[in-house]
């Protein structure tokens, strides 16, 4: 009867350690795939995580500015269209006023 077990077999212990390392690396890769980020937490790499967090905040701020500018552009476009409509109406009123004062039409 063999008295070897995983706890006393050196080869099995090395294989178990390699399996644990492989499982840890697999979990890291799966986390990167799931989050889409190379460094998803400060535990992975604190300095890079801090820089990436700052950049994500900067991107969010720039997107907010871009959205505000787009809303402003839309407001300007509406105002220009309204101004053109008012100008057209004033031209029509002028034409009708001139027509009303023309004595040859009566």
PDB file of N, CA and C in Angstrom:
ATOM      1  N   UNK A   1       0.841  -1.168   0.000  1.00  0.00           N
ATOM      2  CA  UNK A   1       0.000   0.000   0.000  1.00  0.00           C
ATOM      3  C   UNK A   1       0.885   1.229   0.000  1.00  0.00           C
ATOM      4  N   UNK A   2       0.612   2.160  -0.895  1.00  0.00           N
ATOM      5  CA  UNK A   2       1.437   3.354  -1.031  1.00  0.00           C
ATOM      6  C   UNK A   2       0.994   4.391  -0.021  1.00  0.00           C
ATOM      7  N   UNK A   3       1.975   5.016   0.597  1.00  0.00           N
ATOM      8  CA  UNK A   3       1.680   6.042   1.586  1.00  0.00           C
ATOM      9  C   UNK A   3       1.841   7.440   1.005  1.00  0.00           C
ATOM     10  N   UNK A   4       2.004   7.512  -0.285  1.00  0.00           N
ATOM     11  CA  UNK A   4       2.150   8.816  -0.933  1.00  0.00           C
ATOM     12  C   UNK A   4       0.787   9.500  -1.035  1.00  0.00           C
ATOM     13  N   UNK A   5       0.769  10.787  -0.800  1.00  0.00           N
ATOM     14  CA  UNK A   5      -0.443  11.588  -0.982  1.00  0.00           C
ATOM     15  C   UNK A   5      -0.028  12.911  -1.598  1.00  0.00           C
ATOM     16  N   UNK A   6      -1.001  13.753  -1.873  1.00  0.00           N
ATOM     17  CA  UNK A   6      -0.697  15.060  -2.446  1.00  0.00           C
ATOM     18  C   UNK A   6       0.145  15.866  -1.467  1.00  0.00           C
ATOM     19  N   UNK A   7      -0.076  15.686  -0.184  1.00  0.00           N
ATOM     20  CA  UNK A   7       0.639  16.467   0.817  1.00  0.00           C
ATOM     21  C   UNK A   7       2.098  16.054   0.959  1.00  0.00           C
ATOM     22  N   UNK A   8       2.438  14.816   0.632  1.00  0.00           N
ATOM     23  CA  UNK A   8       3.819  14.366   0.804  1.00  0.00           C
ATOM     24  C   UNK A   8       4.542  14.163  -0.517  1.00  0.00           C
ATOM     25  N   UNK A   9       3.847  14.202  -1.621  1.00  0.00           N
ATOM     26  CA  UNK A   9       4.446  13.991  -2.926  1.00  0.00           C
ATOM     27  C   UNK A   9       4.916  15.343  -3.460  1.00  0.00           C
ATOM     28  N   UNK A  10       6.221  15.511  -3.608  1.00  0.00           N
ATOM     29  CA  UNK A  10       6.799  16.783  -4.041  1.00  0.00           C
ATOM     30  C   UNK A  10       6.325  17.140  -5.440  1.00  0.00           C
ATOM     31  N   UNK A  11       6.288  16.203  -6.328  1.00  0.00           N
ATOM     32  CA  UNK A  11       5.830  16.464  -7.692  1.00  0.00           C
ATOM     33  C   UNK A  11       4.384  16.940  -7.712  1.00  0.00           C
ATOM     34  N   UNK A  12       3.554  16.313  -6.882  1.00  0.00           N
ATOM     35  CA  UNK A  12       2.151  16.711  -6.821  1.00  0.00           C
ATOM     36  C   UNK A  12       2.013  18.103  -6.221  1.00  0.00           C
ATOM     37  N   UNK A  13       2.836  18.437  -5.246  1.00  0.00           N
ATOM     38  CA  UNK A  13       2.790  19.772  -4.647  1.00  0.00           C
ATOM     39  C   UNK A  13       3.179  20.842  -5.667  1.00  0.00           C
ATOM     40  N   UNK A  14       4.211  20.562  -6.460  1.00  0.00           N
ATOM     41  CA  UNK A  14       4.635  21.515  -7.495  1.00  0.00           C
ATOM     42  C   UNK A  14       3.529  21.675  -8.537  1.00  0.00           C
ATOM     43  N   UNK A  15       2.932  20.557  -8.936  1.00  0.00           N
ATOM     44  CA  UNK A  15       1.837  20.619  -9.907  1.00  0.00           C
ATOM     45  C   UNK A  15       0.658  21.413  -9.344  1.00  0.00           C
ATOM     46  N   UNK A  16       0.363  21.229  -8.054  1.00  0.00           N
ATOM     47  CA  UNK A  16      -0.728  21.960  -7.412  1.00  0.00           C
ATOM     48  C   UNK A  16      -0.429  23.457  -7.372  1.00  0.00           C
ATOM     49  N   UNK A  17       0.814  23.819  -7.062  1.00  0.00           N
ATOM     50  CA  UNK A  17       1.200  25.235  -7.058  1.00  0.00           C
ATOM     51  C   UNK A  17       1.067  25.833  -8.457  1.00  0.00           C
ATOM     52  N   UNK A  18       1.518  25.086  -9.464  1.00  0.00           N
ATOM     53  CA  UNK A  18       1.395  25.564 -10.848  1.00  0.00           C
ATOM     54  C   UNK A  18      -0.073  25.736 -11.240  1.00  0.00           C
ATOM     55  N   UNK A  19      -0.916  24.810 -10.806  1.00  0.00           N
ATOM     56  CA  UNK A  19      -2.345  24.906 -11.087  1.00  0.00           C
ATOM     57  C   UNK A  19      -2.946  26.146 -10.424  1.00  0.00           C
ATOM     58  N   UNK A  20      -2.545  26.430  -9.198  1.00  0.00           N
ATOM     59  CA  UNK A  20      -3.055  27.608  -8.495  1.00  0.00           C
ATOM     60  C   UNK A  20      -2.617  28.896  -9.194  1.00  0.00           C
ATOM     61  N   UNK A  21      -1.363  28.947  -9.644  1.00  0.00           N
ATOM     62  CA  UNK A  21      -0.868  30.123 -10.372  1.00  0.00           C
ATOM     63  C   UNK A  21      -1.640  30.289 -11.681  1.00  0.00           C
ATOM     64  N   UNK A  22      -1.839  29.181 -12.378  1.00  0.00           N
ATOM     65  CA  UNK A  22      -2.577  29.228 -13.642  1.00  0.00           C
ATOM     66  C   UNK A  22      -4.012  29.697 -13.420  1.00  0.00           C
ATOM     67  N   UNK A  23      -4.656  29.207 -12.368  1.00  0.00           N
ATOM     68  CA  UNK A  23      -6.027  29.634 -12.066  1.00  0.00           C
ATOM     69  C   UNK A  23      -6.087  31.121 -11.725  1.00  0.00           C
ATOM     70  N   UNK A  24      -5.083  31.618 -11.016  1.00  0.00           N
ATOM     71  CA  UNK A  24      -5.044  33.042 -10.671  1.00  0.00           C
ATOM     72  C   UNK A  24      -4.880  33.884 -11.935  1.00  0.00           C
ATOM     73  N   UNK A  25      -3.973  33.462 -12.819  1.00  0.00           N
ATOM     74  CA  UNK A  25      -3.769  34.188 -14.078  1.00  0.00           C
ATOM     75  C   UNK A  25      -5.018  34.123 -14.952  1.00  0.00           C
ATOM     76  N   UNK A  26      -5.695  32.986 -14.952  1.00  0.00           N
ATOM     77  CA  UNK A  26      -6.935  32.844 -15.708  1.00  0.00           C
ATOM     78  C   UNK A  26      -7.997  33.809 -15.182  1.00  0.00           C
ATOM     79  N   UNK A  27      -8.106  33.921 -13.868  1.00  0.00           N
ATOM     80  CA  UNK A  27      -9.076  34.848 -13.275  1.00  0.00           C
ATOM     81  C   UNK A  27      -8.754  36.287 -13.667  1.00  0.00           C
ATOM     82  N   UNK A  28      -7.454  36.624 -13.696  1.00  0.00           N
ATOM     83  CA  UNK A  28      -7.048  37.979 -14.093  1.00  0.00           C
ATOM     84  C   UNK A  28      -7.432  38.251 -15.541  1.00  0.00           C
ATOM     85  N   UNK A  29      -7.161  37.304 -16.419  1.00  0.00           N
ATOM     86  CA  UNK A  29      -7.487  37.477 -17.840  1.00  0.00           C
ATOM     87  C   UNK A  29      -9.000  37.567 -18.031  1.00  0.00           C
ATOM     88  N   UNK A  30      -9.758  36.736 -17.335  1.00  0.00           N
ATOM     89  CA  UNK A  30     -11.218  36.792 -17.449  1.00  0.00           C
ATOM     90  C   UNK A  30     -11.749  38.135 -16.963  1.00  0.00           C
ATOM     91  N   UNK A  31     -11.164  38.659 -15.896  1.00  0.00           N
ATOM     92  CA  UNK A  31     -11.574  39.972 -15.388  1.00  0.00           C
ATOM     93  C   UNK A  31     -11.282  41.055 -16.418  1.00  0.00           C
ATOM     94  N   UNK A  32     -10.125  40.974 -17.062  1.00  0.00           N
ATOM     95  CA  UNK A  32      -9.781  41.958 -18.096  1.00  0.00           C
ATOM     96  C   UNK A  32     -10.743  41.872 -19.275  1.00  0.00           C
ATOM     97  N   UNK A  33     -11.109  40.664 -19.645  1.00  0.00           N
ATOM     98  CA  UNK A  33     -12.049  40.494 -20.756  1.00  0.00           C
ATOM     99  C   UNK A  33     -13.425  41.028 -20.366  1.00  0.00           C
ATOM    100  N   UNK A  34     -13.879  40.705 -19.162  1.00  0.00           N
ATOM    101  CA  UNK A  34     -15.210  41.129 -18.722  1.00  0.00           C
ATOM    102  C   UNK A  34     -15.319  42.640 -18.586  1.00  0.00           C
ATOM    103  N   UNK A  35     -14.283  43.284 -18.062  1.00  0.00           N
ATOM    104  CA  UNK A  35     -14.345  44.735 -17.847  1.00  0.00           C
ATOM    105  C   UNK A  35     -13.877  45.514 -19.061  1.00  0.00           C
ATOM    106  N   UNK A  36     -13.105  44.889 -19.930  1.00  0.00           N
ATOM    107  CA  UNK A  36     -12.545  45.601 -21.072  1.00  0.00           C
ATOM    108  C   UNK A  36     -11.390  46.502 -20.674  1.00  0.00           C
ATOM    109  N   UNK A  37     -10.894  46.326 -19.475  1.00  0.00           N
ATOM    110  CA  UNK A  37      -9.812  47.172 -18.970  1.00  0.00           C
ATOM    111  C   UNK A  37      -8.615  46.300 -18.611  1.00  0.00           C
ATOM    112  N   UNK A  38      -7.426  46.792 -18.968  1.00  0.00           N
ATOM    113  CA  UNK A  38      -6.209  46.063 -18.634  1.00  0.00           C
ATOM    114  C   UNK A  38      -5.972  46.086 -17.129  1.00  0.00           C
ATOM    115  N   UNK A  39      -6.265  47.207 -16.510  1.00  0.00           N
ATOM    116  CA  UNK A  39      -6.123  47.361 -15.063  1.00  0.00           C
ATOM    117  C   UNK A  39      -7.496  47.766 -14.548  1.00  0.00           C
ATOM    118  N   UNK A  40      -8.192  46.842 -13.905  1.00  0.00           N
ATOM    119  CA  UNK A  40      -9.567  47.122 -13.503  1.00  0.00           C
ATOM    120  C   UNK A  40      -9.694  47.541 -12.048  1.00  0.00           C
ATOM    121  N   UNK A  41      -8.622  47.436 -11.283  1.00  0.00           N
ATOM    122  CA  UNK A  41      -8.681  47.869  -9.886  1.00  0.00           C
ATOM    123  C   UNK A  41      -7.292  48.305  -9.436  1.00  0.00           C
ATOM    124  N   UNK A  42      -7.255  48.990  -8.313  1.00  0.00           N
ATOM    125  CA  UNK A  42      -5.974  49.455  -7.784  1.00  0.00           C
ATOM    126  C   UNK A  42      -5.094  48.280  -7.378  1.00  0.00           C
ATOM    127  N   UNK A  43      -5.706  47.147  -7.112  1.00  0.00           N
ATOM    128  CA  UNK A  43      -4.948  45.959  -6.737  1.00  0.00           C
ATOM    129  C   UNK A  43      -4.076  45.474  -7.893  1.00  0.00           C
ATOM    130  N   UNK A  44      -4.556  45.650  -9.128  1.00  0.00           N
ATOM    131  CA  UNK A  44      -3.791  45.195 -10.295  1.00  0.00           C
ATOM    132  C   UNK A  44      -2.516  46.012 -10.469  1.00  0.00           C
ATOM    133  N   UNK A  45      -2.654  47.334 -10.476  1.00  0.00           N
ATOM    134  CA  UNK A  45      -1.509  48.241 -10.611  1.00  0.00           C
ATOM    135  C   UNK A  45      -2.001  49.615 -10.180  1.00  0.00           C
ATOM    136  N   UNK A  46      -1.642  50.000  -8.977  1.00  0.00           N
ATOM    137  CA  UNK A  46      -2.179  51.215  -8.376  1.00  0.00           C
ATOM    138  C   UNK A  46      -1.928  52.477  -9.173  1.00  0.00           C
ATOM    139  N   UNK A  47      -0.703  52.655  -9.661  1.00  0.00           N
ATOM    140  CA  UNK A  47      -0.360  53.885 -10.382  1.00  0.00           C
ATOM    141  C   UNK A  47      -1.121  53.974 -11.699  1.00  0.00           C
ATOM    142  N   UNK A  48      -1.131  52.891 -12.444  1.00  0.00           N
ATOM    143  CA  UNK A  48      -1.833  52.886 -13.728  1.00  0.00           C
ATOM    144  C   UNK A  48      -3.335  53.044 -13.507  1.00  0.00           C
ATOM    145  N   UNK A  49      -3.863  52.421 -12.453  1.00  0.00           N
ATOM    146  CA  UNK A  49      -5.289  52.547 -12.155  1.00  0.00           C
ATOM    147  C   UNK A  49      -5.648  53.995 -11.835  1.00  0.00           C
ATOM    148  N   UNK A  50      -4.803  54.679 -11.075  1.00  0.00           N
ATOM    149  CA  UNK A  50      -5.063  56.087 -10.738  1.00  0.00           C
ATOM    150  C   UNK A  50      -5.058  56.956 -11.995  1.00  0.00           C
ATOM    151  N   UNK A  51      -4.098  56.721 -12.870  1.00  0.00           N
ATOM    152  CA  UNK A  51      -4.029  57.488 -14.121  1.00  0.00           C
ATOM    153  C   UNK A  51      -5.260  57.197 -14.981  1.00  0.00           C
ATOM    154  N   UNK A  52      -5.614  55.924 -15.104  1.00  0.00           N
ATOM    155  CA  UNK A  52      -6.765  55.547 -15.931  1.00  0.00           C
ATOM    156  C   UNK A  52      -8.061  56.122 -15.370  1.00  0.00           C
ATOM    157  N   UNK A  53      -8.195  56.130 -14.051  1.00  0.00           N
ATOM    158  CA  UNK A  53      -9.394  56.697 -13.435  1.00  0.00           C
ATOM    159  C   UNK A  53      -9.484  58.186 -13.726  1.00  0.00           C
ATOM    160  N   UNK A  54      -8.365  58.874 -13.629  1.00  0.00           N
ATOM    161  CA  UNK A  54      -8.347  60.304 -13.955  1.00  0.00           C
ATOM    162  C   UNK A  54      -8.707  60.556 -15.409  1.00  0.00           C
ATOM    163  N   UNK A  55      -8.201  59.723 -16.296  1.00  0.00           N
ATOM    164  CA  UNK A  55      -8.505  59.885 -17.720  1.00  0.00           C
ATOM    165  C   UNK A  55      -9.971  59.594 -18.011  1.00  0.00           C
ATOM    166  N   UNK A  56     -10.536  58.579 -17.332  1.00  0.00           N
ATOM    167  CA  UNK A  56     -11.962  58.305 -17.525  1.00  0.00           C
ATOM    168  C   UNK A  56     -12.802  59.485 -17.048  1.00  0.00           C
ATOM    169  N   UNK A  57     -12.408  60.103 -15.946  1.00  0.00           N
ATOM    170  CA  UNK A  57     -13.130  61.283 -15.457  1.00  0.00           C
ATOM    171  C   UNK A  57     -13.011  62.430 -16.453  1.00  0.00           C
ATOM    172  N   UNK A  58     -11.827  62.602 -17.014  1.00  0.00           N
ATOM    173  CA  UNK A  58     -11.611  63.662 -18.010  1.00  0.00           C
ATOM    174  C   UNK A  58     -12.470  63.422 -19.252  1.00  0.00           C
ATOM    175  N   UNK A  59     -12.556  62.184 -19.680  1.00  0.00           N
ATOM    176  CA  UNK A  59     -13.391  61.843 -20.838  1.00  0.00           C
ATOM    177  C   UNK A  59     -14.852  62.155 -20.544  1.00  0.00           C
ATOM    178  N   UNK A  60     -15.297  61.814 -19.343  1.00  0.00           N
ATOM    179  CA  UNK A  60     -16.678  62.119 -18.968  1.00  0.00           C
ATOM    180  C   UNK A  60     -16.949  63.610 -18.985  1.00  0.00           C
ATOM    181  N   UNK A  61     -16.006  64.394 -18.481  1.00  0.00           N
ATOM    182  CA  UNK A  61     -16.171  65.850 -18.475  1.00  0.00           C
ATOM    183  C   UNK A  61     -16.196  66.397 -19.898  1.00  0.00           C
ATOM    184  N   UNK A  62     -15.315  65.907 -20.746  1.00  0.00           N
ATOM    185  CA  UNK A  62     -15.285  66.371 -22.135  1.00  0.00           C
ATOM    186  C   UNK A  62     -16.563  65.986 -22.883  1.00  0.00           C
ATOM    187  N   UNK A  63     -17.094  64.812 -22.597  1.00  0.00           N
ATOM    188  CA  UNK A  63     -18.362  64.416 -23.224  1.00  0.00           C
ATOM    189  C   UNK A  63     -19.504  65.318 -22.770  1.00  0.00           C
ATOM    190  N   UNK A  64     -19.492  65.713 -21.497  1.00  0.00           N
ATOM    191  CA  UNK A  64     -20.524  66.630 -21.002  1.00  0.00           C
ATOM    192  C   UNK A  64     -20.414  67.981 -21.698  1.00  0.00           C
ATOM    193  N   UNK A  65     -19.184  68.464 -21.887  1.00  0.00           N
ATOM    194  CA  UNK A  65     -18.981  69.738 -22.592  1.00  0.00           C
ATOM    195  C   UNK A  65     -19.457  69.617 -24.037  1.00  0.00           C
ATOM    196  N   UNK A  66     -19.124  68.503 -24.675  1.00  0.00           N
ATOM    197  CA  UNK A  66     -19.546  68.286 -26.065  1.00  0.00           C
ATOM    198  C   UNK A  66     -21.071  68.279 -26.175  1.00  0.00           C
ATOM    199  N   UNK A  67     -21.738  67.611 -25.238  1.00  0.00           N
ATOM    200  CA  UNK A  67     -23.202  67.589 -25.253  1.00  0.00           C
ATOM    201  C   UNK A  67     -23.777  68.990 -25.069  1.00  0.00           C
ATOM    202  N   UNK A  68     -23.178  69.765 -24.176  1.00  0.00           N
ATOM    203  CA  UNK A  68     -23.645  71.139 -23.960  1.00  0.00           C
ATOM    204  C   UNK A  68     -23.450  71.984 -25.211  1.00  0.00           C
ATOM    205  N   UNK A  69     -22.319  71.825 -25.867  1.00  0.00           N
ATOM    206  CA  UNK A  69     -22.075  72.567 -27.102  1.00  0.00           C
ATOM    207  C   UNK A  69     -23.072  72.174 -28.190  1.00  0.00           C
ATOM    208  N   UNK A  70     -23.395  70.896 -28.268  1.00  0.00           N
ATOM    209  CA  UNK A  70     -24.377  70.444 -29.258  1.00  0.00           C
ATOM    210  C   UNK A  70     -25.755  71.040 -28.977  1.00  0.00           C
ATOM    211  N   UNK A  71     -26.127  71.112 -27.682  1.00  0.00           N
ATOM    212  CA  UNK A  71     -27.407  71.737 -27.340  1.00  0.00           C
ATOM    213  C   UNK A  71     -27.383  73.214 -27.689  1.00  0.00           C
ATOM    214  N   UNK A  72     -26.272  73.879 -27.431  1.00  0.00           N
ATOM    215  CA  UNK A  72     -26.146  75.292 -27.785  1.00  0.00           C
ATOM    216  C   UNK A  72     -26.243  75.501 -29.283  1.00  0.00           C
ATOM    217  N   UNK A  73     -25.588  74.632 -30.049  1.00  0.00           N
ATOM    218  CA  UNK A  73     -25.654  74.722 -31.508  1.00  0.00           C
ATOM    219  C   UNK A  73     -27.087  74.534 -31.993  1.00  0.00           C
ATOM    220  N   UNK A  74     -27.803  73.609 -31.381  1.00  0.00           N
ATOM    221  CA  UNK A  74     -29.201  73.393 -31.759  1.00  0.00           C
ATOM    222  C   UNK A  74     -30.042  74.625 -31.463  1.00  0.00           C
ATOM    223  N   UNK A  75     -29.802  75.256 -30.320  1.00  0.00           N
ATOM    224  CA  UNK A  75     -30.549  76.469 -29.970  1.00  0.00           C
ATOM    225  C   UNK A  75     -30.257  77.585 -30.969  1.00  0.00           C
ATOM    226  N   UNK A  76     -28.999  77.711 -31.370  1.00  0.00           N
ATOM    227  CA  UNK A  76     -28.632  78.734 -32.357  1.00  0.00           C
ATOM    228  C   UNK A  76     -29.301  78.439 -33.696  1.00  0.00           C
ATOM    229  N   UNK A  77     -29.319  77.172 -34.102  1.00  0.00           N
ATOM    230  CA  UNK A  77     -29.966  76.800 -35.367  1.00  0.00           C
ATOM    231  C   UNK A  77     -31.452  77.143 -35.350  1.00  0.00           C
ATOM    232  N   UNK A  78     -32.118  76.853 -34.234  1.00  0.00           N
ATOM    233  CA  UNK A  78     -33.543  77.174 -34.117  1.00  0.00           C
ATOM    234  C   UNK A  78     -33.744  78.680 -34.170  1.00  0.00           C
ATOM    235  N   UNK A  79     -32.881  79.419 -33.495  1.00  0.00           N
ATOM    236  CA  UNK A  79     -32.994  80.884 -33.496  1.00  0.00           C
ATOM    237  C   UNK A  79     -32.795  81.450 -34.897  1.00  0.00           C
ATOM    238  N   UNK A  80     -31.827  80.931 -35.628  1.00  0.00           N
ATOM    239  CA  UNK A  80     -31.606  81.397 -37.003  1.00  0.00           C
ATOM    240  C   UNK A  80     -32.815  81.107 -37.891  1.00  0.00           C
ATOM    241  N   UNK A  81     -33.376  79.921 -37.747  1.00  0.00           N
ATOM    242  CA  UNK A  81     -34.557  79.573 -38.543  1.00  0.00           C
ATOM    243  C   UNK A  81     -35.724  80.493 -38.190  1.00  0.00           C
ATOM    244  N   UNK A  82     -35.889  80.785 -36.911  1.00  0.00           N
ATOM    245  CA  UNK A  82     -36.966  81.689 -36.492  1.00  0.00           C
ATOM    246  C   UNK A  82     -36.732  83.091 -37.044  1.00  0.00           C
ATOM    247  N   UNK A  83     -35.496  83.552 -37.012  1.00  0.00           N
ATOM    248  CA  UNK A  83     -35.170  84.871 -37.556  1.00  0.00           C
ATOM    249  C   UNK A  83     -35.465  84.959 -39.042  1.00  0.00           C
ATOM    250  N   UNK A  84     -35.129  83.901 -39.771  1.00  0.00           N
ATOM    251  CA  UNK A  84     -35.415  83.878 -41.207  1.00  0.00           C
ATOM    252  C   UNK A  84     -36.921  83.893 -41.463  1.00  0.00           C
ATOM    253  N   UNK A  85     -37.675  83.173 -40.646  1.00  0.00           N
ATOM    254  CA  UNK A  85     -39.134  83.165 -40.799  1.00  0.00           C
ATOM    255  C   UNK A  85     -39.716  84.542 -40.534  1.00  0.00           C
ATOM    256  N   UNK A  86     -39.232  85.206 -39.497  1.00  0.00           N
ATOM    257  CA  UNK A  86     -39.709  86.559 -39.181  1.00  0.00           C
ATOM    258  C   UNK A  86     -39.362  87.508 -40.322  1.00  0.00           C
ATOM    259  N   UNK A  87     -38.158  87.373 -40.860  1.00  0.00           N
ATOM    260  CA  UNK A  87     -37.746  88.224 -41.977  1.00  0.00           C
ATOM    261  C   UNK A  87     -38.642  88.001 -43.192  1.00  0.00           C
ATOM    262  N   UNK A  88     -38.964  86.742 -43.482  1.00  0.00           N
ATOM    263  CA  UNK A  88     -39.858  86.439 -44.607  1.00  0.00           C
ATOM    264  C   UNK A  88     -41.247  87.036 -44.379  1.00  0.00           C
ATOM    265  N   UNK A  89     -41.749  86.915 -43.152  1.00  0.00           N
ATOM    266  CA  UNK A  89     -43.070  87.478 -42.844  1.00  0.00           C
ATOM    267  C   UNK A  89     -43.074  88.996 -42.978  1.00  0.00           C
ATOM    268  N   UNK A  90     -41.998  89.626 -42.522  1.00  0.00           N
ATOM    269  CA  UNK A  90     -41.914  91.085 -42.652  1.00  0.00           C
ATOM    270  C   UNK A  90     -41.867  91.505 -44.121  1.00  0.00           C
ATOM    271  N   UNK A  91     -41.184  90.748 -44.944  1.00  0.00           N
ATOM    272  CA  UNK A  91     -41.146  91.050 -46.384  1.00  0.00           C
ATOM    273  C   UNK A  91     -42.535  90.923 -46.992  1.00  0.00           C
ATOM    274  N   UNK A  92     -43.265  89.893 -46.602  1.00  0.00           N
ATOM    275  CA  UNK A  92     -44.624  89.716 -47.108  1.00  0.00           C
ATOM    276  C   UNK A  92     -45.528  90.864 -46.655  1.00  0.00           C
ATOM    277  N   UNK A  93     -45.385  91.270 -45.382  1.00  0.00           N
ATOM    278  CA  UNK A  93     -46.184  92.393 -44.877  1.00  0.00           C
ATOM    279  C   UNK A  93     -45.868  93.679 -45.636  1.00  0.00           C
ATOM    280  N   UNK A  94     -44.584  93.877 -45.932  1.00  0.00           N
ATOM    281  CA  UNK A  94     -44.188  95.077 -46.672  1.00  0.00           C
ATOM    282  C   UNK A  94     -44.824  95.068 -48.061  1.00  0.00           C
ATOM    283  N   UNK A  95     -44.780  93.912 -48.722  1.00  0.00           N
ATOM    284  CA  UNK A  95     -45.386  93.797 -50.047  1.00  0.00           C
ATOM    285  C   UNK A  95     -46.883  94.086 -49.993  1.00  0.00           C
ATOM    286  N   UNK A  96     -47.549  93.540 -48.997  1.00  0.00           N
ATOM    287  CA  UNK A  96     -48.995  93.750 -48.882  1.00  0.00           C
ATOM    288  C   UNK A  96     -49.321  95.199 -48.539  1.00  0.00           C
ATOM    289  N   UNK A  97     -48.480  95.808 -47.714  1.00  0.00           N
ATOM    290  CA  UNK A  97     -48.700  97.218 -47.375  1.00  0.00           C
ATOM    291  C   UNK A  97     -48.525  98.094 -48.611  1.00  0.00           C
ATOM    292  N   UNK A  98     -47.507  97.789 -49.412  1.00  0.00           N
ATOM    293  CA  UNK A  98     -47.312  98.552 -50.647  1.00  0.00           C
ATOM    294  C   UNK A  98     -48.462  98.321 -51.621  1.00  0.00           C
ATOM    295  N   UNK A  99     -48.940  97.082 -51.682  1.00  0.00           N
ATOM    296  CA  UNK A  99     -50.076  96.785 -52.564  1.00  0.00           C
ATOM    297  C   UNK A  99     -51.323  97.534 -52.108  1.00  0.00           C
ATOM    298  N   UNK A 100     -51.505  97.642 -50.821  1.00  0.00           N
ATOM    299  CA  UNK A 100     -52.689  98.330 -50.295  1.00  0.00           C
ATOM    300  C   UNK A 100     -52.649  99.821 -50.587  1.00  0.00           C
ATOM    301  N   UNK A 101     -51.466 100.391 -50.676  1.00  0.00           N
ATOM    302  CA  UNK A 101     -51.364 101.835 -50.936  1.00  0.00           C
ATOM    303  C   UNK A 101     -51.357 102.164 -52.417  1.00  0.00           C
ATOM    304  N   UNK A 102     -51.273 101.157 -53.266  1.00  0.00           N
ATOM    305  CA  UNK A 102     -51.257 101.396 -54.714  1.00  0.00           C
ATOM    306  C   UNK A 102     -52.670 101.759 -55.179  1.00  0.00           C
ATOM    307  N   UNK A 103     -52.835 102.980 -55.664  1.00  0.00           N
ATOM    308  CA  UNK A 103     -54.149 103.495 -56.058  1.00  0.00           C
ATOM    309  C   UNK A 103     -54.619 102.899 -57.382  1.00  0.00           C
ATOM    310  N   UNK A 104     -53.708 102.380 -58.177  1.00  0.00           N
ATOM    311  CA  UNK A 104     -54.107 101.865 -59.494  1.00  0.00           C
ATOM    312  C   UNK A 104     -54.858 100.540 -59.378  1.00  0.00           C
ATOM    313  N   UNK A 105     -54.725  99.846 -58.236  1.00  0.00           N
ATOM    314  CA  UNK A 105     -55.389  98.555 -58.075  1.00  0.00           C
ATOM    315  C   UNK A 105     -56.838  98.701 -57.640  1.00  0.00           C
ATOM    316  N   UNK A 106     -57.229  99.891 -57.175  1.00  0.00           N
ATOM    317  CA  UNK A 106     -58.599 100.067 -56.678  1.00  0.00           C
ATOM    318  C   UNK A 106     -59.559 100.562 -57.711  1.00  0.00           C
TER     319      UNK A 106
END
